[in-house]
Amino acid sequence: MSASFSTLAEFRAVLASAPDADPAATAAAQDRNGQLTKPPGALGRLEDLAIWYAGWRGTDKPSLEKPQVIVFAGNHGVCAQGVSAFPPEVTVQMVANFEHGGAAINQLSQAFGAKMDVHALDLDNPTADFTVAPAMTEEEVIAALRTGWDAVDPDADLLVTGEMGIGNTTSAA
């Protein structure tokens, strides 16, 4: 889905205009799941995910042909508060490890035939320390969202996103 946005309001409008899952495909996938030789719910959350995915793909028997994994890396200004055991330079080292195929996510992506990309978001300029000011301006948020939007392969049939950055646990919390 291509989209043009330059403000958060425009980005919200793009998201609001996204199509919904196909209710008929969801219902057909639920029916199909009920016919499989296994106790109901035996696969736990995996059953719910498969039905959800079927609805979004518009078929009761979806397949994965072109999965994509994208890891976004950034440095967090809150690290100035001493919240991490590691310095921000480790983010650069981890990005290099991703780029050279040395991380666990590289191996998982390869095992499942997924295209994997890593995008370092201005590692020389961390976000602001959110304990004293907003972490990002609207312009910075839009730039980050645009990087993410443009990183998605339009042919991908499943998107898995991840993030990496020293201080990320604190900012996520």
N, C-alpha and C. Protein backbone atom coordinates (compact mmCIF):
# COMPACT_ATOMS: atom_id res chain seq x y z
N MET A 1 0.86 -1.18 0.00
CA MET A 1 0.00 0.00 0.00
C MET A 1 0.89 1.23 0.00
N SER A 2 0.82 2.00 -1.05
CA SER A 2 1.61 3.22 -1.08
C SER A 2 0.84 4.32 -0.36
N ALA A 3 1.59 5.23 0.19
CA ALA A 3 0.94 6.31 0.92
C ALA A 3 1.87 7.51 0.97
N SER A 4 1.25 8.66 0.98
CA SER A 4 1.98 9.90 1.12
C SER A 4 1.51 10.58 2.41
N PHE A 5 2.46 10.93 3.23
CA PHE A 5 2.11 11.66 4.45
C PHE A 5 3.31 12.51 4.86
N SER A 6 3.02 13.67 5.43
CA SER A 6 4.08 14.54 5.92
C SER A 6 3.77 15.09 7.30
N THR A 7 2.64 14.68 7.86
CA THR A 7 2.29 15.07 9.22
C THR A 7 1.71 13.86 9.93
N LEU A 8 1.64 13.92 11.24
CA LEU A 8 1.04 12.82 11.98
C LEU A 8 -0.45 12.70 11.67
N ALA A 9 -1.12 13.81 11.44
CA ALA A 9 -2.54 13.75 11.08
C ALA A 9 -2.72 13.01 9.76
N GLU A 10 -1.87 13.29 8.80
CA GLU A 10 -1.95 12.58 7.51
C GLU A 10 -1.63 11.10 7.68
N PHE A 11 -0.67 10.77 8.54
CA PHE A 11 -0.34 9.37 8.79
C PHE A 11 -1.53 8.65 9.43
N ARG A 12 -2.18 9.30 10.39
CA ARG A 12 -3.37 8.71 11.01
C ARG A 12 -4.46 8.46 9.97
N ALA A 13 -4.62 9.39 9.03
CA ALA A 13 -5.62 9.23 7.97
C ALA A 13 -5.29 8.04 7.07
N VAL A 14 -4.01 7.86 6.76
CA VAL A 14 -3.59 6.71 5.94
C VAL A 14 -3.95 5.42 6.67
N LEU A 15 -3.65 5.35 7.96
CA LEU A 15 -3.96 4.15 8.73
C LEU A 15 -5.47 3.91 8.80
N ALA A 16 -6.22 4.97 8.97
CA ALA A 16 -7.68 4.84 9.07
C ALA A 16 -8.29 4.36 7.75
N SER A 17 -7.62 4.62 6.64
CA SER A 17 -8.15 4.21 5.35
C SER A 17 -7.73 2.80 4.94
N ALA A 18 -6.92 2.16 5.77
CA ALA A 18 -6.47 0.80 5.46
C ALA A 18 -7.66 -0.15 5.46
N PRO A 19 -7.64 -1.15 4.58
CA PRO A 19 -8.76 -2.09 4.53
C PRO A 19 -8.82 -2.97 5.78
N ASP A 20 -10.00 -3.49 6.03
CA ASP A 20 -10.19 -4.42 7.14
C ASP A 20 -9.95 -5.85 6.67
N ALA A 21 -9.86 -6.75 7.62
CA ALA A 21 -9.75 -8.17 7.30
C ALA A 21 -11.04 -8.61 6.60
N ASP A 22 -10.94 -9.68 5.84
CA ASP A 22 -12.09 -10.24 5.12
C ASP A 22 -12.89 -11.13 6.07
N PRO A 23 -14.10 -10.71 6.46
CA PRO A 23 -14.87 -11.50 7.43
C PRO A 23 -15.22 -12.90 6.92
N ALA A 24 -15.46 -13.04 5.61
CA ALA A 24 -15.78 -14.36 5.06
C ALA A 24 -14.58 -15.29 5.16
N ALA A 25 -13.38 -14.77 4.87
CA ALA A 25 -12.17 -15.59 4.98
C ALA A 25 -11.90 -15.96 6.42
N THR A 26 -12.14 -15.03 7.34
CA THR A 26 -11.95 -15.32 8.76
C THR A 26 -12.91 -16.43 9.19
N ALA A 27 -14.16 -16.32 8.81
CA ALA A 27 -15.15 -17.35 9.16
C ALA A 27 -14.78 -18.69 8.54
N ALA A 28 -14.34 -18.69 7.29
CA ALA A 28 -13.96 -19.94 6.62
C ALA A 28 -12.74 -20.56 7.31
N ALA A 29 -11.80 -19.74 7.73
CA ALA A 29 -10.63 -20.27 8.44
C ALA A 29 -11.03 -20.84 9.80
N GLN A 30 -11.98 -20.19 10.48
CA GLN A 30 -12.47 -20.73 11.75
C GLN A 30 -13.15 -22.08 11.53
N ASP A 31 -13.97 -22.16 10.49
CA ASP A 31 -14.62 -23.44 10.16
C ASP A 31 -13.58 -24.51 9.85
N ARG A 32 -12.61 -24.16 9.03
CA ARG A 32 -11.56 -25.12 8.67
C ARG A 32 -10.80 -25.57 9.90
N ASN A 33 -10.47 -24.64 10.78
CA ASN A 33 -9.75 -24.98 12.01
C ASN A 33 -10.56 -25.97 12.85
N GLY A 34 -11.86 -25.81 12.85
CA GLY A 34 -12.72 -26.72 13.61
C GLY A 34 -12.79 -28.11 13.03
N GLN A 35 -12.40 -28.28 11.79
CA GLN A 35 -12.43 -29.60 11.13
C GLN A 35 -11.11 -30.34 11.23
N LEU A 36 -10.06 -29.68 11.67
CA LEU A 36 -8.75 -30.32 11.75
C LEU A 36 -8.73 -31.35 12.88
N THR A 37 -7.95 -32.39 12.69
CA THR A 37 -7.88 -33.48 13.67
C THR A 37 -6.97 -33.06 14.83
N LYS A 38 -7.59 -32.46 15.81
CA LYS A 38 -6.91 -32.02 17.03
C LYS A 38 -7.98 -31.51 17.98
N PRO A 39 -7.72 -31.55 19.25
CA PRO A 39 -8.69 -30.95 20.18
C PRO A 39 -8.79 -29.45 19.95
N PRO A 40 -9.98 -28.87 20.08
CA PRO A 40 -10.12 -27.42 19.93
C PRO A 40 -9.18 -26.67 20.88
N GLY A 41 -8.46 -25.72 20.33
CA GLY A 41 -7.55 -24.91 21.14
C GLY A 41 -6.23 -25.59 21.46
N ALA A 42 -5.97 -26.77 20.92
CA ALA A 42 -4.75 -27.51 21.25
C ALA A 42 -3.48 -26.76 20.85
N LEU A 43 -3.58 -25.92 19.84
CA LEU A 43 -2.41 -25.17 19.40
C LEU A 43 -2.35 -23.78 20.01
N GLY A 44 -3.25 -23.51 20.94
CA GLY A 44 -3.23 -22.24 21.67
C GLY A 44 -3.32 -21.03 20.77
N ARG A 45 -2.51 -20.05 21.06
CA ARG A 45 -2.53 -18.77 20.34
C ARG A 45 -2.23 -18.94 18.85
N LEU A 46 -1.52 -20.00 18.48
CA LEU A 46 -1.20 -20.23 17.08
C LEU A 46 -2.46 -20.35 16.23
N GLU A 47 -3.49 -20.96 16.78
CA GLU A 47 -4.76 -21.07 16.05
C GLU A 47 -5.36 -19.69 15.80
N ASP A 48 -5.37 -18.85 16.82
CA ASP A 48 -5.89 -17.49 16.67
C ASP A 48 -5.10 -16.69 15.64
N LEU A 49 -3.78 -16.84 15.68
CA LEU A 49 -2.93 -16.13 14.72
C LEU A 49 -3.19 -16.61 13.29
N ALA A 50 -3.35 -17.91 13.10
CA ALA A 50 -3.60 -18.44 11.75
C ALA A 50 -4.94 -17.93 11.22
N ILE A 51 -5.94 -17.89 12.07
CA ILE A 51 -7.26 -17.39 11.64
C ILE A 51 -7.19 -15.90 11.34
N TRP A 52 -6.51 -15.14 12.19
CA TRP A 52 -6.31 -13.71 11.95
C TRP A 52 -5.60 -13.48 10.62
N TYR A 53 -4.52 -14.23 10.38
CA TYR A 53 -3.76 -14.08 9.15
C TYR A 53 -4.62 -14.44 7.93
N ALA A 54 -5.41 -15.48 8.05
CA ALA A 54 -6.29 -15.88 6.95
C ALA A 54 -7.25 -14.74 6.58
N GLY A 55 -7.81 -14.09 7.59
CA GLY A 55 -8.71 -12.97 7.34
C GLY A 55 -8.03 -11.84 6.60
N TRP A 56 -6.81 -11.54 6.99
CA TRP A 56 -6.07 -10.46 6.33
C TRP A 56 -5.60 -10.84 4.94
N ARG A 57 -5.36 -12.10 4.72
CA ARG A 57 -4.94 -12.55 3.38
C ARG A 57 -6.14 -12.81 2.47
N GLY A 58 -7.33 -12.94 3.05
CA GLY A 58 -8.53 -13.12 2.25
C GLY A 58 -8.75 -14.55 1.77
N THR A 59 -8.21 -15.51 2.50
CA THR A 59 -8.39 -16.92 2.13
C THR A 59 -8.35 -17.78 3.39
N ASP A 60 -9.09 -18.89 3.36
CA ASP A 60 -9.09 -19.76 4.53
C ASP A 60 -7.83 -20.62 4.62
N LYS A 61 -7.04 -20.69 3.53
CA LYS A 61 -5.82 -21.49 3.51
C LYS A 61 -4.63 -20.63 3.02
N PRO A 62 -4.25 -19.64 3.80
CA PRO A 62 -3.15 -18.79 3.35
C PRO A 62 -1.82 -19.53 3.41
N SER A 63 -0.89 -19.07 2.58
CA SER A 63 0.46 -19.62 2.63
C SER A 63 1.45 -18.46 2.75
N LEU A 64 2.63 -18.79 3.19
CA LEU A 64 3.70 -17.80 3.32
C LEU A 64 4.72 -18.06 2.23
N GLU A 65 4.80 -17.16 1.29
CA GLU A 65 5.74 -17.31 0.18
C GLU A 65 6.87 -16.28 0.24
N LYS A 66 6.56 -15.07 0.74
CA LYS A 66 7.55 -13.99 0.72
C LYS A 66 7.54 -13.22 2.04
N PRO A 67 7.90 -13.90 3.15
CA PRO A 67 7.95 -13.16 4.42
C PRO A 67 9.12 -12.19 4.45
N GLN A 68 8.94 -11.12 5.20
CA GLN A 68 9.99 -10.11 5.35
C GLN A 68 10.15 -9.79 6.83
N VAL A 69 11.40 -9.69 7.25
CA VAL A 69 11.75 -9.28 8.61
C VAL A 69 12.52 -7.97 8.49
N ILE A 70 12.10 -6.98 9.25
CA ILE A 70 12.80 -5.70 9.26
C ILE A 70 13.14 -5.36 10.71
N VAL A 71 14.41 -5.04 10.94
CA VAL A 71 14.87 -4.59 12.25
C VAL A 71 15.25 -3.12 12.12
N PHE A 72 14.70 -2.31 13.01
CA PHE A 72 15.01 -0.89 13.05
C PHE A 72 15.88 -0.63 14.28
N ALA A 73 16.95 0.12 14.10
CA ALA A 73 17.87 0.38 15.21
C ALA A 73 17.98 1.88 15.44
N GLY A 74 17.97 2.25 16.69
CA GLY A 74 18.11 3.66 17.05
C GLY A 74 18.71 3.81 18.42
N ASN A 75 19.25 4.97 18.70
CA ASN A 75 19.80 5.25 20.02
C ASN A 75 18.86 6.18 20.78
N HIS A 76 18.73 5.92 22.04
CA HIS A 76 17.74 6.59 22.89
C HIS A 76 18.43 7.57 23.85
N GLY A 77 17.96 8.79 23.84
CA GLY A 77 18.54 9.83 24.68
C GLY A 77 18.43 9.57 26.17
N VAL A 78 17.48 8.74 26.57
CA VAL A 78 17.32 8.42 27.99
C VAL A 78 18.56 7.71 28.55
N CYS A 79 19.41 7.22 27.69
CA CYS A 79 20.64 6.56 28.16
C CYS A 79 21.52 7.53 28.95
N ALA A 80 21.34 8.83 28.74
CA ALA A 80 22.08 9.83 29.51
C ALA A 80 21.79 9.71 31.00
N GLN A 81 20.68 9.05 31.35
CA GLN A 81 20.31 8.86 32.75
C GLN A 81 20.98 7.64 33.37
N GLY A 82 21.82 6.94 32.60
CA GLY A 82 22.51 5.76 33.11
C GLY A 82 21.62 4.53 33.24
N VAL A 83 20.62 4.40 32.38
CA VAL A 83 19.65 3.30 32.48
C VAL A 83 20.13 1.99 31.88
N SER A 84 21.24 2.00 31.17
CA SER A 84 21.70 0.80 30.49
C SER A 84 23.09 0.40 30.97
N ALA A 85 23.32 -0.91 30.96
CA ALA A 85 24.64 -1.42 31.31
C ALA A 85 25.63 -1.27 30.15
N PHE A 86 25.12 -0.91 28.97
CA PHE A 86 25.95 -0.83 27.78
C PHE A 86 25.92 0.58 27.19
N PRO A 87 27.01 1.01 26.58
CA PRO A 87 27.03 2.33 25.94
C PRO A 87 26.30 2.30 24.60
N PRO A 88 25.86 3.46 24.11
CA PRO A 88 25.15 3.53 22.83
C PRO A 88 25.95 2.98 21.65
N GLU A 89 27.27 2.95 21.75
CA GLU A 89 28.10 2.43 20.65
C GLU A 89 27.77 0.97 20.34
N VAL A 90 27.20 0.26 21.30
CA VAL A 90 26.85 -1.15 21.08
C VAL A 90 25.77 -1.27 20.00
N THR A 91 24.92 -0.26 19.86
CA THR A 91 23.90 -0.30 18.81
C THR A 91 24.58 -0.40 17.43
N VAL A 92 25.61 0.39 17.22
CA VAL A 92 26.35 0.35 15.95
C VAL A 92 26.94 -1.04 15.73
N GLN A 93 27.50 -1.63 16.78
CA GLN A 93 28.09 -2.96 16.68
C GLN A 93 27.02 -4.01 16.35
N MET A 94 25.87 -3.88 16.96
CA MET A 94 24.79 -4.84 16.68
C MET A 94 24.28 -4.69 15.25
N VAL A 95 24.16 -3.47 14.76
CA VAL A 95 23.73 -3.26 13.38
C VAL A 95 24.72 -3.94 12.43
N ALA A 96 26.01 -3.78 12.69
CA ALA A 96 27.02 -4.45 11.86
C ALA A 96 26.85 -5.96 11.93
N ASN A 97 26.56 -6.49 13.10
CA ASN A 97 26.33 -7.92 13.25
C ASN A 97 25.12 -8.37 12.43
N PHE A 98 24.03 -7.61 12.48
CA PHE A 98 22.85 -7.91 11.66
C PHE A 98 23.22 -7.90 10.18
N GLU A 99 23.94 -6.86 9.77
CA GLU A 99 24.29 -6.70 8.35
C GLU A 99 25.18 -7.82 7.84
N HIS A 100 25.94 -8.44 8.75
CA HIS A 100 26.83 -9.53 8.36
C HIS A 100 26.24 -10.91 8.67
N GLY A 101 24.97 -10.96 9.07
CA GLY A 101 24.29 -12.24 9.26
C GLY A 101 24.63 -12.96 10.54
N GLY A 102 25.15 -12.26 11.55
CA GLY A 102 25.62 -12.93 12.75
C GLY A 102 24.67 -12.98 13.93
N ALA A 103 23.46 -12.44 13.80
CA ALA A 103 22.53 -12.41 14.93
C ALA A 103 21.51 -13.54 14.83
N ALA A 104 20.89 -13.84 15.94
CA ALA A 104 19.87 -14.90 15.95
C ALA A 104 18.75 -14.61 14.96
N ILE A 105 18.35 -13.34 14.83
CA ILE A 105 17.26 -13.02 13.91
C ILE A 105 17.65 -13.31 12.47
N ASN A 106 18.94 -13.20 12.15
CA ASN A 106 19.41 -13.57 10.81
C ASN A 106 19.17 -15.06 10.56
N GLN A 107 19.48 -15.86 11.56
CA GLN A 107 19.34 -17.31 11.42
C GLN A 107 17.87 -17.71 11.33
N LEU A 108 17.03 -17.09 12.15
CA LEU A 108 15.60 -17.39 12.10
C LEU A 108 15.01 -16.96 10.75
N SER A 109 15.41 -15.79 10.28
CA SER A 109 14.92 -15.32 8.99
C SER A 109 15.32 -16.28 7.88
N GLN A 110 16.56 -16.71 7.90
CA GLN A 110 17.05 -17.63 6.88
C GLN A 110 16.31 -18.97 6.96
N ALA A 111 16.10 -19.46 8.17
CA ALA A 111 15.42 -20.76 8.35
C ALA A 111 14.01 -20.74 7.78
N PHE A 112 13.36 -19.59 7.81
CA PHE A 112 11.99 -19.49 7.32
C PHE A 112 11.89 -18.83 5.94
N GLY A 113 13.03 -18.63 5.30
CA GLY A 113 13.03 -18.07 3.96
C GLY A 113 12.61 -16.62 3.89
N ALA A 114 12.80 -15.90 4.97
CA ALA A 114 12.38 -14.50 5.02
C ALA A 114 13.50 -13.58 4.56
N LYS A 115 13.12 -12.59 3.79
CA LYS A 115 14.04 -11.51 3.46
C LYS A 115 14.23 -10.70 4.73
N MET A 116 15.47 -10.39 5.07
CA MET A 116 15.73 -9.62 6.29
C MET A 116 16.49 -8.35 5.96
N ASP A 117 16.02 -7.24 6.51
CA ASP A 117 16.67 -5.95 6.33
C ASP A 117 16.85 -5.31 7.70
N VAL A 118 17.90 -4.50 7.81
CA VAL A 118 18.10 -3.71 9.02
C VAL A 118 18.24 -2.25 8.61
N HIS A 119 17.60 -1.39 9.37
CA HIS A 119 17.64 0.05 9.10
C HIS A 119 18.10 0.78 10.36
N ALA A 120 19.28 1.38 10.27
CA ALA A 120 19.81 2.17 11.37
C ALA A 120 19.28 3.59 11.23
N LEU A 121 18.63 4.07 12.27
CA LEU A 121 18.01 5.39 12.24
C LEU A 121 18.91 6.42 12.92
N ASP A 122 19.77 7.05 12.15
CA ASP A 122 20.59 8.18 12.60
C ASP A 122 21.25 7.89 13.95
N LEU A 123 22.08 6.85 13.99
CA LEU A 123 22.68 6.40 15.24
C LEU A 123 23.61 7.43 15.86
N ASP A 124 24.12 8.37 15.07
CA ASP A 124 24.99 9.41 15.61
C ASP A 124 24.21 10.47 16.37
N ASN A 125 22.90 10.49 16.21
CA ASN A 125 22.05 11.48 16.87
C ASN A 125 20.92 10.78 17.61
N PRO A 126 21.11 10.45 18.87
CA PRO A 126 20.04 9.78 19.61
C PRO A 126 18.83 10.69 19.76
N THR A 127 17.71 10.08 20.10
CA THR A 127 16.54 10.88 20.41
C THR A 127 16.85 11.75 21.62
N ALA A 128 15.99 12.68 21.92
CA ALA A 128 16.15 13.47 23.14
C ALA A 128 15.83 12.57 24.34
N ASP A 129 16.28 12.97 25.49
CA ASP A 129 15.99 12.25 26.73
C ASP A 129 14.54 12.54 27.11
N PHE A 130 13.68 11.53 26.98
CA PHE A 130 12.25 11.75 27.21
C PHE A 130 11.90 12.06 28.66
N THR A 131 12.87 11.95 29.57
CA THR A 131 12.57 12.33 30.96
C THR A 131 12.64 13.83 31.16
N VAL A 132 13.18 14.54 30.15
CA VAL A 132 13.27 16.00 30.27
C VAL A 132 12.57 16.74 29.13
N ALA A 133 12.25 16.04 28.03
CA ALA A 133 11.60 16.67 26.88
C ALA A 133 11.03 15.57 26.00
N PRO A 134 10.17 15.90 25.07
CA PRO A 134 9.71 14.87 24.12
C PRO A 134 10.91 14.23 23.42
N ALA A 135 10.86 12.94 23.23
CA ALA A 135 11.98 12.22 22.61
C ALA A 135 12.22 12.66 21.18
N MET A 136 11.14 12.99 20.46
CA MET A 136 11.27 13.34 19.05
C MET A 136 10.30 14.47 18.70
N THR A 137 10.71 15.25 17.73
CA THR A 137 9.79 16.24 17.18
C THR A 137 8.86 15.53 16.20
N GLU A 138 7.79 16.20 15.81
CA GLU A 138 6.89 15.60 14.82
C GLU A 138 7.65 15.31 13.52
N GLU A 139 8.52 16.20 13.13
CA GLU A 139 9.30 15.99 11.90
C GLU A 139 10.17 14.73 12.01
N GLU A 140 10.78 14.52 13.17
CA GLU A 140 11.61 13.32 13.37
C GLU A 140 10.76 12.05 13.37
N VAL A 141 9.59 12.13 13.99
CA VAL A 141 8.68 10.98 13.99
C VAL A 141 8.27 10.64 12.57
N ILE A 142 7.91 11.64 11.80
CA ILE A 142 7.50 11.43 10.40
C ILE A 142 8.64 10.80 9.61
N ALA A 143 9.86 11.28 9.81
CA ALA A 143 11.02 10.70 9.11
C ALA A 143 11.20 9.23 9.47
N ALA A 144 11.04 8.91 10.74
CA ALA A 144 11.17 7.51 11.17
C ALA A 144 10.03 6.66 10.60
N LEU A 145 8.81 7.18 10.64
CA LEU A 145 7.67 6.45 10.07
C LEU A 145 7.85 6.25 8.57
N ARG A 146 8.35 7.25 7.89
CA ARG A 146 8.58 7.15 6.44
C ARG A 146 9.63 6.06 6.16
N THR A 147 10.70 6.02 6.96
CA THR A 147 11.71 4.97 6.78
C THR A 147 11.06 3.60 6.92
N GLY A 148 10.24 3.45 7.93
CA GLY A 148 9.57 2.17 8.13
C GLY A 148 8.62 1.84 6.99
N TRP A 149 7.83 2.80 6.59
CA TRP A 149 6.85 2.58 5.51
C TRP A 149 7.55 2.17 4.24
N ASP A 150 8.61 2.89 3.90
CA ASP A 150 9.34 2.63 2.66
C ASP A 150 10.15 1.34 2.71
N ALA A 151 10.42 0.84 3.89
CA ALA A 151 11.22 -0.39 4.03
C ALA A 151 10.43 -1.65 3.69
N VAL A 152 9.11 -1.54 3.71
CA VAL A 152 8.28 -2.73 3.48
C VAL A 152 8.28 -3.10 2.01
N ASP A 153 8.59 -4.35 1.74
CA ASP A 153 8.53 -4.89 0.38
C ASP A 153 7.06 -5.07 0.01
N PRO A 154 6.58 -4.43 -1.05
CA PRO A 154 5.16 -4.54 -1.40
C PRO A 154 4.76 -5.98 -1.74
N ASP A 155 5.72 -6.83 -2.07
CA ASP A 155 5.41 -8.23 -2.38
C ASP A 155 5.41 -9.13 -1.15
N ALA A 156 5.80 -8.60 0.00
CA ALA A 156 5.84 -9.41 1.22
C ALA A 156 4.42 -9.85 1.59
N ASP A 157 4.29 -11.11 2.00
CA ASP A 157 2.97 -11.59 2.44
C ASP A 157 2.89 -11.75 3.95
N LEU A 158 3.98 -11.49 4.63
CA LEU A 158 4.00 -11.43 6.09
C LEU A 158 5.13 -10.50 6.48
N LEU A 159 4.85 -9.58 7.38
CA LEU A 159 5.87 -8.63 7.85
C LEU A 159 6.10 -8.84 9.33
N VAL A 160 7.36 -9.04 9.67
CA VAL A 160 7.78 -9.17 11.06
C VAL A 160 8.71 -8.01 11.34
N THR A 161 8.38 -7.20 12.33
CA THR A 161 9.23 -6.06 12.66
C THR A 161 9.90 -6.26 14.00
N GLY A 162 11.08 -5.69 14.12
CA GLY A 162 11.82 -5.74 15.38
C GLY A 162 12.58 -4.44 15.56
N GLU A 163 13.12 -4.27 16.74
CA GLU A 163 13.88 -3.07 17.02
C GLU A 163 15.10 -3.44 17.84
N MET A 164 16.09 -2.58 17.79
CA MET A 164 17.30 -2.77 18.56
C MET A 164 17.85 -1.40 18.90
N GLY A 165 18.29 -1.25 20.10
CA GLY A 165 18.91 0.00 20.49
C GLY A 165 19.17 0.00 21.98
N ILE A 166 20.34 0.44 22.36
CA ILE A 166 20.67 0.53 23.77
C ILE A 166 19.70 1.54 24.40
N GLY A 167 19.08 1.16 25.50
CA GLY A 167 18.08 1.99 26.16
C GLY A 167 16.67 1.69 25.70
N ASN A 168 16.51 0.72 24.79
CA ASN A 168 15.18 0.45 24.23
C ASN A 168 14.21 -0.11 25.27
N THR A 169 14.69 -0.85 26.24
CA THR A 169 13.79 -1.39 27.25
C THR A 169 13.18 -0.25 28.07
N THR A 170 13.97 0.74 28.40
CA THR A 170 13.46 1.88 29.17
C THR A 170 12.46 2.66 28.35
N SER A 171 12.76 2.94 27.09
CA SER A 171 11.83 3.72 26.27
C SER A 171 10.56 2.92 26.00
N ALA A 172 10.67 1.61 25.85
CA ALA A 172 9.48 0.78 25.61
C ALA A 172 8.60 0.73 26.86
N ALA A 173 9.22 0.72 28.01
CA ALA A 173 8.45 0.64 29.25
C ALA A 173 7.68 1.92 29.47
